[in-house]
Amino acid sequence: MNDTCHITFHETECILIEENGYIFILPKNPEEIKRIRPHFEDKDFLLKYKGTLGYNSIAFVERMSFEMNHSIKLFPKYIVNRCHKDSFIAFEMTGETVDDFFSPSRYFFDRNRTENKDVVDVIYNNELAESWEIIFEEKPVSITLSFGDILRWGIASDLMLHPKLTVSFEQTSDITYIYRLYRVLVRFLQIIRYDTKCGKLRVDLLTTEQGHKSYNGYLRDLSLDQEKFYRSNHEVEYGCYRPYIQQFLQFAAQNTDYTFFHYPSEGLRFRGRDYSAVDYMNIFAAFEAECHANKDLFEKAEATKVQTIKDAIISQIEALPTQSLKQEDISFIENAKQRILQLGTQLGQTKKIINAYHVLHNALDGSVEYIFYLSEFRLKGHIQDKDIKTIATFLAGQRGAVAHGGFSSMFTDVDAQKIHFLEILTYAQMLKRVGLEDLDIERVIGAVFCCNYVLSQEQRI
């Protein structure tokens, strides 16, 4: 959207130009730029202004820079346009990735097979498909999925049936809260689809007018990847995930720091050429992060085998006379004691991989033959101890080689099988945190990574 208006910026009369996702501010008197100069380092602030048509706009500005033509260039993270009230109660989200995951055709086909519902006129009305309740920042949030209202936008309608997510919350004027809540929905779609690309999304903000919901502007996320959207080539759709949607939404709301560096940038990865050294380091870092996030399950070592020896050594250390020692010597003895106490309680990288597989093997064993399918390293069913040790040793060794500059070639296809295994294992760890049981994890990884046929065998034709 492009717009032009007048604004007072740091007590300076200026002209504001909103263009191509940037905001330019030009002082009417170029000499007055000196009033703004002390604020050139300002970051993460809200800028309010009125557009040409008199509607309010609010931009969250991440940073700004001085241009050679005595103008200031602002870099907004997101902009709310055309709002007439400063309070909001909900927003509606539609767009390409919403269409892809919440497929209307799949929903109505499954509904016709399993439920006896009256047919809804989706041209002028909408059908409420499902609703979920989550807690975000200690506040209740309601999310509903509906289909219909094809002619809602009149002549601007594309005459197609689209799914719509409506997110309702306590009345607020805090735009930053609304943006953070919107990002929960984006994070949910990225996690569940194993894809960071969301395409174009439309976020319409709602307020109340005389007891009814009414339109109150829209939010434009300028930080979102707006590259051309391609439909998923795997069975990641709402119908397959229906029992787990609530858990995924709550996970996305609670884990705002979840990162996507290890996600593929262009579709699924299978071959050696699909993985770069950076990809591998990101996957390994994500694996270790998942281990750390669920320490009791993935980082707890069994120390009972050496506990007797540890107790004997600790007893000898504690028996050492310390009365005549310097403080430096006493600190050394205490450090030695703490080191002995830690031995056997922490896992190295190789053992972490082996332990994670043993924890999740019921969810992974059905996929093994589709992950390790090359004749040079072919496996099936439960991975034997010697084979999982071979895989884990390779993965830990490659991590060290890449980190210390010892990796100078490409991964082979056999290498890629082992890396792909770690990638799936990492995603399975995340699903465990979401709260899925082993059978559900097996079903989900089969849909996302095309590594088993559990879901296909369950679907009715």
Protein backbone atom coordinates (compact mmCIF):
# COMPACT_ATOMS: atom_id res chain seq x y z
CA MET A 1 0.00 0.00 0.00
CA ASN A 2 1.23 3.52 -0.84
CA ASP A 3 0.08 6.58 1.11
CA THR A 4 1.10 10.17 1.83
CA CYS A 5 0.21 12.39 4.78
CA HIS A 6 1.43 15.13 7.12
CA ILE A 7 2.91 14.22 10.51
CA THR A 8 4.65 15.86 13.45
CA PHE A 9 7.74 13.76 14.13
CA HIS A 10 9.80 14.72 17.18
CA GLU A 11 8.32 18.24 17.18
CA THR A 12 9.13 18.65 13.49
CA GLU A 13 6.52 19.18 10.76
CA CYS A 14 7.11 16.51 8.14
CA ILE A 15 5.63 14.74 5.14
CA LEU A 16 5.25 10.97 5.50
CA ILE A 17 5.35 8.66 2.49
CA GLU A 18 4.47 4.98 2.91
CA GLU A 19 5.78 3.05 -0.09
CA ASN A 20 6.68 -0.58 -0.86
CA GLY A 21 6.86 -1.60 2.79
CA TYR A 22 9.01 1.36 3.87
CA ILE A 23 8.15 4.73 5.42
CA PHE A 24 9.96 7.90 4.39
CA ILE A 25 9.77 11.06 6.50
CA LEU A 26 10.80 14.39 4.97
CA PRO A 27 10.95 17.55 7.13
CA LYS A 28 9.08 20.40 5.44
CA ASN A 29 12.02 22.59 6.36
CA PRO A 30 15.22 20.62 5.58
CA GLU A 31 17.11 22.66 8.19
CA GLU A 32 14.98 21.15 10.95
CA ILE A 33 16.44 17.69 10.35
CA LYS A 34 18.77 18.52 13.26
CA ARG A 35 15.84 18.11 15.67
CA ILE A 36 15.43 14.52 14.56
CA ARG A 37 19.13 13.66 14.37
CA PRO A 38 19.41 12.67 18.10
CA HIS A 39 16.76 10.01 17.45
CA PHE A 40 18.45 8.28 14.51
CA GLU A 41 19.39 5.34 16.76
CA ASP A 42 15.84 4.80 18.02
CA LYS A 43 14.59 1.23 17.60
CA ASP A 44 11.41 -0.78 18.16
CA PHE A 45 8.88 2.04 18.56
CA LEU A 46 5.29 2.66 17.44
CA LEU A 47 4.55 5.41 14.93
CA LYS A 48 0.96 6.63 14.59
CA TYR A 49 -0.27 8.68 11.63
CA LYS A 50 -3.40 9.42 9.58
CA GLY A 51 -3.53 8.33 5.96
CA THR A 52 -4.88 10.27 2.99
CA LEU A 53 -8.44 9.07 3.60
CA GLY A 54 -8.35 10.03 7.28
CA TYR A 55 -7.95 6.51 8.66
CA ASN A 56 -5.47 5.81 11.44
CA SER A 57 -2.33 3.79 10.80
CA ILE A 58 0.15 2.36 13.30
CA ALA A 59 3.61 1.13 12.33
CA PHE A 60 6.04 -0.81 14.51
CA VAL A 61 9.43 0.54 13.42
CA GLU A 62 12.48 -1.68 13.99
CA ARG A 63 15.08 0.89 12.95
CA MET A 64 15.63 3.96 10.78
CA SER A 65 18.38 5.51 8.69
CA PHE A 66 19.26 8.95 7.31
CA GLU A 67 19.03 9.33 3.53
CA MET A 68 21.13 11.66 1.37
CA ASN A 69 18.09 13.75 0.36
CA HIS A 70 17.52 14.88 3.97
CA SER A 71 14.82 12.28 4.51
CA ILE A 72 14.57 9.54 7.12
CA LYS A 73 13.90 5.97 6.02
CA LEU A 74 11.98 3.83 8.51
CA PHE A 75 12.00 0.03 8.44
CA PRO A 76 8.66 -1.20 9.84
CA LYS A 77 8.18 -4.77 11.01
CA TYR A 78 4.43 -4.53 10.57
CA ILE A 79 1.80 -1.86 9.87
CA VAL A 80 -1.85 -1.62 10.88
CA ASN A 81 -3.78 0.36 8.26
CA ARG A 82 -7.25 1.87 8.12
CA CYS A 83 -8.37 1.48 11.71
CA HIS A 84 -10.98 3.94 13.05
CA LYS A 85 -10.99 2.82 16.70
CA ASP A 86 -8.12 2.14 19.07
CA SER A 87 -9.66 -1.00 20.57
CA PHE A 88 -9.74 -4.51 19.13
CA ILE A 89 -11.45 -7.76 20.15
CA ALA A 90 -10.46 -10.22 17.40
CA PHE A 91 -8.83 -10.75 14.03
CA GLU A 92 -9.59 -12.96 11.06
CA MET A 93 -6.78 -14.69 9.20
CA THR A 94 -6.98 -16.06 5.67
CA GLY A 95 -4.40 -16.72 2.98
CA GLU A 96 -2.46 -19.25 0.96
CA THR A 97 -1.03 -21.37 3.76
CA VAL A 98 -4.40 -21.37 5.57
CA ASP A 99 -6.03 -22.61 2.35
CA ASP A 100 -3.36 -25.27 2.00
CA PHE A 101 -3.56 -26.72 5.49
CA PHE A 102 -7.28 -26.28 6.22
CA SER A 103 -8.34 -27.61 2.82
CA PRO A 104 -12.09 -26.95 2.26
CA SER A 105 -12.39 -29.87 -0.15
CA ARG A 106 -10.86 -32.28 2.36
CA TYR A 107 -13.01 -30.93 5.19
CA PHE A 108 -16.34 -31.25 3.36
CA PHE A 109 -15.43 -34.66 1.91
CA ASP A 110 -14.58 -36.05 5.34
CA ARG A 111 -17.62 -34.40 6.93
CA ASN A 112 -19.94 -35.94 4.38
CA ARG A 113 -18.48 -39.38 5.16
CA THR A 114 -18.49 -39.22 8.94
CA GLU A 115 -21.07 -36.66 10.08
CA ASN A 116 -24.73 -35.94 9.46
CA LYS A 117 -24.80 -32.16 9.25
CA ASP A 118 -27.26 -29.93 7.46
CA VAL A 119 -25.87 -28.32 4.33
CA VAL A 120 -24.90 -24.69 4.95
CA ASP A 121 -25.24 -21.97 2.32
CA VAL A 122 -21.53 -21.10 2.09
CA ILE A 123 -22.19 -18.33 -0.44
CA TYR A 124 -23.92 -16.00 2.03
CA ASN A 125 -23.20 -17.74 5.34
CA ASN A 126 -20.41 -19.77 6.90
CA GLU A 127 -20.07 -23.12 8.62
CA LEU A 128 -18.27 -23.30 11.94
CA ALA A 129 -16.02 -26.34 11.68
CA GLU A 130 -14.20 -26.36 15.01
CA SER A 131 -13.02 -24.17 17.88
CA TRP A 132 -10.07 -24.32 20.25
CA GLU A 133 -9.18 -22.57 23.50
CA ILE A 134 -5.59 -21.70 24.39
CA ILE A 135 -3.78 -19.58 26.97
CA PHE A 136 -1.42 -16.93 25.63
CA GLU A 137 0.52 -14.65 27.98
CA GLU A 138 -1.78 -15.77 30.82
CA LYS A 139 -4.91 -14.66 28.93
CA PRO A 140 -7.62 -16.87 27.37
CA VAL A 141 -7.81 -16.90 23.58
CA SER A 142 -10.48 -18.53 21.41
CA ILE A 143 -9.68 -19.72 17.88
CA THR A 144 -12.39 -20.88 15.47
CA LEU A 145 -12.20 -22.42 12.01
CA SER A 146 -15.01 -21.70 9.56
CA PHE A 147 -15.75 -22.04 5.85
CA GLY A 148 -18.03 -19.84 3.74
CA ASP A 149 -18.99 -16.18 3.18
CA ILE A 150 -17.91 -16.45 -0.45
CA LEU A 151 -19.58 -13.15 -1.42
CA ARG A 152 -18.55 -11.31 1.74
CA TRP A 153 -16.30 -8.85 -0.09
CA GLY A 154 -18.77 -8.20 -2.87
CA ILE A 155 -17.21 -7.40 -6.23
CA ALA A 156 -13.76 -7.95 -4.68
CA SER A 157 -14.56 -11.60 -3.89
CA ASP A 158 -12.68 -14.25 -5.86
CA LEU A 159 -15.79 -16.52 -5.80
CA MET A 160 -13.81 -19.32 -4.14
CA LEU A 161 -14.42 -21.14 -0.87
CA HIS A 162 -11.73 -20.30 1.69
CA PRO A 163 -11.15 -21.38 5.30
CA LYS A 164 -10.98 -18.62 7.89
CA LEU A 165 -9.36 -18.57 11.33
CA THR A 166 -11.01 -16.16 13.77
CA VAL A 167 -8.96 -15.35 16.87
CA SER A 168 -10.91 -13.72 19.72
CA PHE A 169 -9.35 -12.19 22.83
CA GLU A 170 -10.04 -9.72 25.62
CA GLN A 171 -10.58 -6.19 24.34
CA THR A 172 -7.25 -4.41 23.96
CA SER A 173 -5.63 -1.40 22.34
CA ASP A 174 -2.18 -3.02 22.44
CA ILE A 175 -1.20 -3.57 18.81
CA THR A 176 2.01 -5.34 19.83
CA TYR A 177 -0.02 -7.97 21.74
CA ILE A 178 -2.20 -8.57 18.67
CA TYR A 179 0.91 -8.99 16.51
CA ARG A 180 2.45 -11.47 18.95
CA LEU A 181 -0.80 -13.43 18.97
CA TYR A 182 -0.94 -13.39 15.18
CA ARG A 183 2.62 -14.76 15.14
CA VAL A 184 1.39 -17.70 17.25
CA LEU A 185 -0.86 -18.69 14.33
CA VAL A 186 2.00 -18.27 11.86
CA ARG A 187 4.32 -20.32 14.07
CA PHE A 188 1.66 -23.02 14.39
CA LEU A 189 1.34 -23.30 10.59
CA GLN A 190 5.12 -23.33 10.11
CA ILE A 191 5.64 -26.05 12.72
CA ILE A 192 2.80 -28.32 11.70
CA ARG A 193 3.59 -28.05 7.96
CA TYR A 194 7.39 -28.22 8.45
CA ASP A 195 7.68 -25.24 6.11
CA THR A 196 8.56 -21.62 6.90
CA LYS A 197 6.92 -20.20 3.77
CA CYS A 198 3.41 -18.92 4.38
CA GLY A 199 2.74 -17.01 1.17
CA LYS A 200 0.34 -14.08 1.32
CA LEU A 201 -1.76 -13.78 4.46
CA ARG A 202 -4.66 -11.44 5.10
CA VAL A 203 -5.27 -10.34 8.69
CA ASP A 204 -8.46 -8.31 9.23
CA LEU A 205 -8.86 -6.65 12.62
CA LEU A 206 -12.24 -6.48 14.37
CA THR A 207 -13.78 -4.22 17.00
CA THR A 208 -17.28 -3.79 18.46
CA GLU A 209 -19.92 -1.37 17.20
CA GLN A 210 -23.26 -1.29 19.05
CA GLY A 211 -22.76 -4.81 20.35
CA HIS A 212 -21.69 -6.32 17.01
CA LYS A 213 -18.32 -7.12 15.49
CA SER A 214 -17.16 -4.69 12.83
CA TYR A 215 -14.14 -4.25 10.58
CA ASN A 216 -11.35 -2.11 12.07
CA GLY A 217 -8.44 -2.16 9.65
CA TYR A 218 -5.93 -4.81 8.72
CA LEU A 219 -2.42 -5.87 9.70
CA ARG A 220 0.43 -6.20 7.21
CA ASP A 221 3.36 -8.33 8.34
CA LEU A 222 6.40 -7.03 6.47
CA SER A 223 8.74 -9.54 8.12
CA LEU A 224 6.96 -12.59 6.67
CA ASP A 225 8.46 -14.49 3.76
CA GLN A 226 6.28 -13.33 0.86
CA GLU A 227 7.94 -15.54 -1.75
CA LYS A 228 5.75 -17.40 -4.22
CA PHE A 229 3.81 -20.06 -2.36
CA TYR A 230 3.78 -23.66 -3.47
CA ARG A 231 1.30 -26.18 -2.16
CA SER A 232 2.73 -28.93 0.03
CA ASN A 233 3.58 -32.14 -1.81
CA HIS A 234 2.88 -34.26 1.26
CA GLU A 235 -0.23 -35.17 3.24
CA VAL A 236 -0.03 -32.35 5.76
CA GLU A 237 -3.68 -31.32 6.03
CA TYR A 238 -6.16 -30.46 8.74
CA GLY A 239 -8.02 -33.77 8.51
CA CYS A 240 -4.89 -35.76 9.39
CA TYR A 241 -4.00 -33.53 12.34
CA ARG A 242 -7.45 -32.84 13.71
CA PRO A 243 -6.93 -34.65 17.06
CA TYR A 244 -3.74 -32.69 17.79
CA ILE A 245 -4.59 -29.12 16.67
CA GLN A 246 -5.25 -27.93 20.23
CA GLN A 247 -1.86 -29.25 21.41
CA PHE A 248 0.02 -27.70 18.49
CA LEU A 249 -1.66 -24.32 19.04
CA GLN A 250 -0.81 -24.31 22.74
CA PHE A 251 2.77 -25.37 21.99
CA ALA A 252 3.12 -22.49 19.52
CA ALA A 253 1.74 -20.09 22.14
CA GLN A 254 4.13 -21.27 24.85
CA ASN A 255 7.30 -21.60 22.75
CA THR A 256 7.69 -18.14 21.24
CA ASP A 257 11.46 -18.67 20.98
CA TYR A 258 11.15 -21.77 18.78
CA THR A 259 13.50 -21.33 15.80
CA PHE A 260 13.26 -22.57 12.22
CA PHE A 261 16.89 -22.44 11.07
CA HIS A 262 16.93 -26.22 10.62
CA TYR A 263 13.80 -26.31 8.46
CA PRO A 264 14.31 -26.88 4.71
CA SER A 265 14.15 -23.83 2.45
CA GLU A 266 13.03 -25.73 -0.66
CA GLY A 267 10.96 -28.84 -0.01
CA LEU A 268 12.01 -32.08 1.66
CA ARG A 269 15.65 -33.20 1.71
CA PHE A 270 16.75 -36.72 0.81
CA ARG A 271 20.00 -36.67 -1.19
CA GLY A 272 23.51 -35.59 -0.30
CA ARG A 273 23.22 -32.52 -2.52
CA ASP A 274 20.17 -31.40 -0.52
CA TYR A 275 22.21 -30.85 2.65
CA SER A 276 24.92 -28.23 3.06
CA ALA A 277 27.32 -28.04 5.98
CA VAL A 278 25.25 -25.15 7.36
CA ASP A 279 22.06 -27.22 7.07
CA TYR A 280 23.68 -30.02 9.03
CA MET A 281 24.95 -27.73 11.79
CA ASN A 282 21.48 -26.20 12.12
CA ILE A 283 19.86 -29.64 12.37
CA PHE A 284 22.37 -30.79 14.98
CA ALA A 285 21.90 -27.58 16.97
CA ALA A 286 18.12 -28.11 16.87
CA PHE A 287 18.60 -31.70 18.06
CA GLU A 288 20.66 -30.56 21.04
CA ALA A 289 18.11 -27.82 21.78
CA GLU A 290 15.34 -30.43 21.88
CA CYS A 291 17.43 -32.59 24.21
CA HIS A 292 17.97 -29.60 26.49
CA ALA A 293 14.27 -28.63 26.38
CA ASN A 294 13.32 -32.10 27.68
CA LYS A 295 16.31 -32.90 29.88
CA ASP A 296 14.67 -35.54 32.03
CA LEU A 297 13.86 -37.61 28.97
CA PHE A 298 16.81 -37.06 26.64
CA GLU A 299 19.78 -35.96 28.80
CA LYS A 300 19.40 -38.05 31.92
CA ALA A 301 22.26 -40.56 32.10
CA GLU A 302 22.29 -43.77 34.11
CA ALA A 303 25.04 -43.30 36.70
CA THR A 304 24.29 -46.25 38.98
CA LYS A 305 26.97 -48.45 37.35
CA VAL A 306 29.78 -46.22 38.60
CA GLN A 307 28.08 -44.82 41.69
CA THR A 308 30.09 -47.03 44.09
CA ILE A 309 33.39 -45.83 42.61
CA LYS A 310 32.20 -42.20 42.69
CA ASP A 311 31.19 -42.49 46.34
CA ALA A 312 34.61 -43.93 47.25
CA ILE A 313 36.47 -41.11 45.48
CA ILE A 314 34.23 -38.44 47.02
CA SER A 315 34.85 -39.93 50.48
CA GLN A 316 38.63 -39.70 49.96
CA ILE A 317 38.34 -36.09 48.75
CA GLU A 318 36.23 -35.11 51.75
CA ALA A 319 38.77 -36.78 54.08
CA LEU A 320 41.57 -34.51 52.88
CA PRO A 321 42.80 -32.08 55.60
CA THR A 322 42.02 -28.50 54.54
CA GLN A 323 42.77 -26.51 57.71
CA SER A 324 46.32 -25.57 56.65
CA LEU A 325 45.61 -25.16 52.91
CA LYS A 326 45.39 -21.90 50.99
CA GLN A 327 42.03 -20.77 49.61
CA GLU A 328 43.25 -21.58 46.09
CA ASP A 329 43.91 -25.21 47.09
CA ILE A 330 40.56 -25.48 48.86
CA SER A 331 38.78 -24.20 45.73
CA PHE A 332 40.65 -26.77 43.63
CA ILE A 333 39.50 -29.61 45.91
CA GLU A 334 35.90 -28.38 45.78
CA ASN A 335 36.01 -28.14 41.97
CA ALA A 336 37.42 -31.68 41.78
CA LYS A 337 34.57 -32.91 43.96
CA GLN A 338 31.95 -31.23 41.75
CA ARG A 339 33.54 -32.70 38.62
CA ILE A 340 33.40 -36.21 40.10
CA LEU A 341 29.75 -35.68 41.05
CA GLN A 342 28.91 -34.74 37.44
CA LEU A 343 30.69 -37.69 35.84
CA GLY A 344 28.25 -40.24 34.50
CA THR A 345 25.27 -37.86 34.79
CA GLN A 346 25.64 -36.16 31.41
CA LEU A 347 25.57 -37.61 27.91
CA GLY A 348 27.99 -36.84 25.10
CA GLN A 349 26.75 -36.15 21.57
CA THR A 350 26.97 -39.77 20.44
CA LYS A 351 25.15 -41.08 23.49
CA LYS A 352 22.49 -38.36 23.17
CA ILE A 353 21.58 -39.62 19.70
CA ILE A 354 21.53 -43.25 20.83
CA ASN A 355 19.46 -42.38 23.89
CA ALA A 356 16.98 -40.27 21.88
CA TYR A 357 16.44 -43.15 19.46
CA HIS A 358 15.87 -45.60 22.31
CA VAL A 359 13.29 -43.22 23.84
CA LEU A 360 11.42 -42.78 20.53
CA HIS A 361 12.09 -46.09 18.77
CA ASN A 362 8.42 -47.14 18.90
CA ALA A 363 7.56 -44.06 16.85
CA LEU A 364 10.51 -44.42 14.47
CA ASP A 365 10.95 -48.14 13.77
CA GLY A 366 8.17 -48.27 11.19
CA SER A 367 9.98 -45.60 9.16
CA VAL A 368 13.49 -47.06 9.27
CA GLU A 369 13.28 -49.02 6.01
CA TYR A 370 12.13 -45.88 4.14
CA ILE A 371 14.92 -43.75 5.63
CA PHE A 372 17.79 -46.21 5.17
CA TYR A 373 16.88 -47.63 1.77
CA LEU A 374 20.18 -47.47 -0.15
CA SER A 375 21.95 -50.79 -0.67
CA GLU A 376 25.19 -49.45 0.83
CA PHE A 377 23.49 -48.96 4.20
CA ARG A 378 20.07 -50.60 4.29
CA LEU A 379 18.13 -51.13 7.51
CA LYS A 380 14.66 -52.34 8.42
CA GLY A 381 12.62 -52.34 11.61
CA HIS A 382 14.26 -51.79 14.97
CA ILE A 383 17.82 -50.47 14.59
CA GLN A 384 20.35 -52.82 16.19
CA ASP A 385 22.81 -51.49 18.77
CA LYS A 386 25.82 -51.68 16.44
CA ASP A 387 23.95 -49.84 13.68
CA ILE A 388 22.62 -47.01 15.85
CA LYS A 389 26.12 -46.63 17.27
CA THR A 390 27.50 -46.39 13.71
CA ILE A 391 24.90 -43.75 12.83
CA ALA A 392 25.44 -41.74 16.02
CA THR A 393 29.24 -41.89 15.75
CA PHE A 394 29.08 -40.62 12.17
CA LEU A 395 26.71 -37.77 13.06
CA ALA A 396 28.75 -36.64 16.06
CA GLY A 397 31.98 -36.93 14.08
CA GLN A 398 30.63 -34.88 11.17
CA ARG A 399 29.43 -32.23 13.56
CA GLY A 400 32.95 -31.90 14.93
CA ALA A 401 34.49 -31.93 11.44
CA VAL A 402 32.21 -29.15 10.20
CA ALA A 403 32.62 -27.07 13.36
CA HIS A 404 36.43 -27.26 13.28
CA GLY A 405 36.95 -26.82 9.55
CA GLY A 406 37.66 -30.47 8.79
CA PHE A 407 34.77 -30.83 6.33
CA SER A 408 35.74 -29.92 2.78
CA SER A 409 33.51 -31.99 0.48
CA MET A 410 29.85 -32.76 -0.14
CA PHE A 411 27.75 -35.28 1.73
CA THR A 412 27.12 -38.56 -0.07
CA ASP A 413 23.64 -40.02 -0.43
CA VAL A 414 24.48 -42.57 2.28
CA ASP A 415 25.54 -39.70 4.55
CA ALA A 416 22.27 -37.95 3.73
CA GLN A 417 20.29 -40.97 4.98
CA LYS A 418 21.87 -40.58 8.42
CA ILE A 419 21.38 -36.81 8.44
CA HIS A 420 17.77 -37.28 7.35
CA PHE A 421 17.33 -39.71 10.25
CA LEU A 422 18.61 -37.04 12.67
CA GLU A 423 16.27 -34.49 11.10
CA ILE A 424 13.26 -36.77 11.61
CA LEU A 425 14.44 -37.68 15.12
CA THR A 426 14.63 -33.97 15.99
CA TYR A 427 11.10 -33.34 14.73
CA ALA A 428 9.88 -36.39 16.68
CA GLN A 429 11.45 -34.94 19.84
CA MET A 430 9.49 -31.74 19.26
CA LEU A 431 6.28 -33.75 18.79
CA LYS A 432 7.00 -35.45 22.11
CA ARG A 433 7.13 -32.00 23.71
CA VAL A 434 3.84 -31.10 22.04
CA GLY A 435 2.36 -34.08 23.90
CA LEU A 436 1.82 -36.69 21.18
CA GLU A 437 2.02 -40.41 21.92
CA ASP A 438 4.34 -42.70 19.94
CA LEU A 439 1.66 -43.90 17.51
CA ASP A 440 0.61 -40.31 16.81
CA ILE A 441 4.24 -39.28 16.30
CA GLU A 442 4.66 -42.13 13.80
CA ARG A 443 1.58 -40.98 11.91
CA VAL A 444 2.72 -37.33 11.81
CA ILE A 445 6.32 -37.95 10.70
CA GLY A 446 4.96 -40.23 7.99
CA ALA A 447 2.81 -37.38 6.68
CA VAL A 448 5.54 -34.73 6.94
CA PHE A 449 8.57 -36.70 5.75
CA CYS A 450 6.88 -39.34 3.57
CA CYS A 451 8.72 -42.03 5.56
CA ASN A 452 5.87 -44.45 6.33
CA TYR A 453 2.38 -45.34 5.17
CA VAL A 454 0.52 -45.34 8.49
CA LEU A 455 -1.72 -42.44 7.52
CA SER A 456 -2.41 -43.76 4.03
CA GLN A 457 -3.47 -47.13 5.43
CA GLU A 458 -5.92 -45.46 7.82
CA GLN A 459 -7.65 -43.27 5.24
CA ARG A 460 -10.95 -44.42 3.82
CA ILE A 461 -11.53 -44.27 0.08
